[in-house]
Amino acid sequence: MNYAALTALVTDFVANTDTTFAADLPTLIDLAERGVYNDIKLPAALKNATATMTLHDEYLSMPSDYLFDVDLSVQTATGTAFLLKKDVGYIREAYPDRTYYNPPRFYAQYDVNTMILGPTPDLAYVTEMHYRGYPTSIVTANTTWLSTNYPQVLVDACVLRAYEYMKGDAELMAVYKAAYDMGLKQIAGYAGNIAQDPYR
């Protein structure tokens, strides 16, 4: 299913041809997609990024579309080393001297855009981060993994979001919600359990 087919179907489903609704529909679709990715872990949300640490800098910037990490590794002279995730307090206590330079062994999310490393890197190591982030919306991409493999779930999510926008009847909204929840269970059979990720 492509974007044009989705917008036509959602518009027909909720029987709303109002120009304001049509103008807001792309935003509603984007929000519906994000809702699906928040409700269940899907392969389409897995991402990978490489970066280079800065010599003697304990901070590492995260990708702009980062939601939460899966793992972080560095390339050393002996191969790939996976860092252990800790909290900021652990790293600060374990490495109070920020000028103690060595290959990093630990990392923690310092703020919304930055990881902190411990110990402070002694070299400009190449890193690889596996993380979760929102895939490009169908609004931009025209087709997506979700629209290709589980179009009914995407339609149900969009119809539910559109009906909430329209402040629709509660009983009918419950029917749409039940259809959406059933679709999530179907996806769960393919993609794994409903999202219970510890980093969410």
Foldseek 3Di string as FASTA:
>chain_A
DFPVVLLVVLCVVVVDPDPVLVVCLVVLLVVLLVVLVQFAPAPLQKDKDKDWADALDQKDWDDPQFDWFDWKWWQDPVGIATAAEDAPVVQCVVCVPQNPEDCFRYWYAPDPTMIGTPNGHNGGIMMMTIGGGRHDGSSPVRDDPCCVPPVQLSSLSSNLSSCVVVVHDPVVSVVSVVSNVVSSVVVCVVGPHTDPDPGD
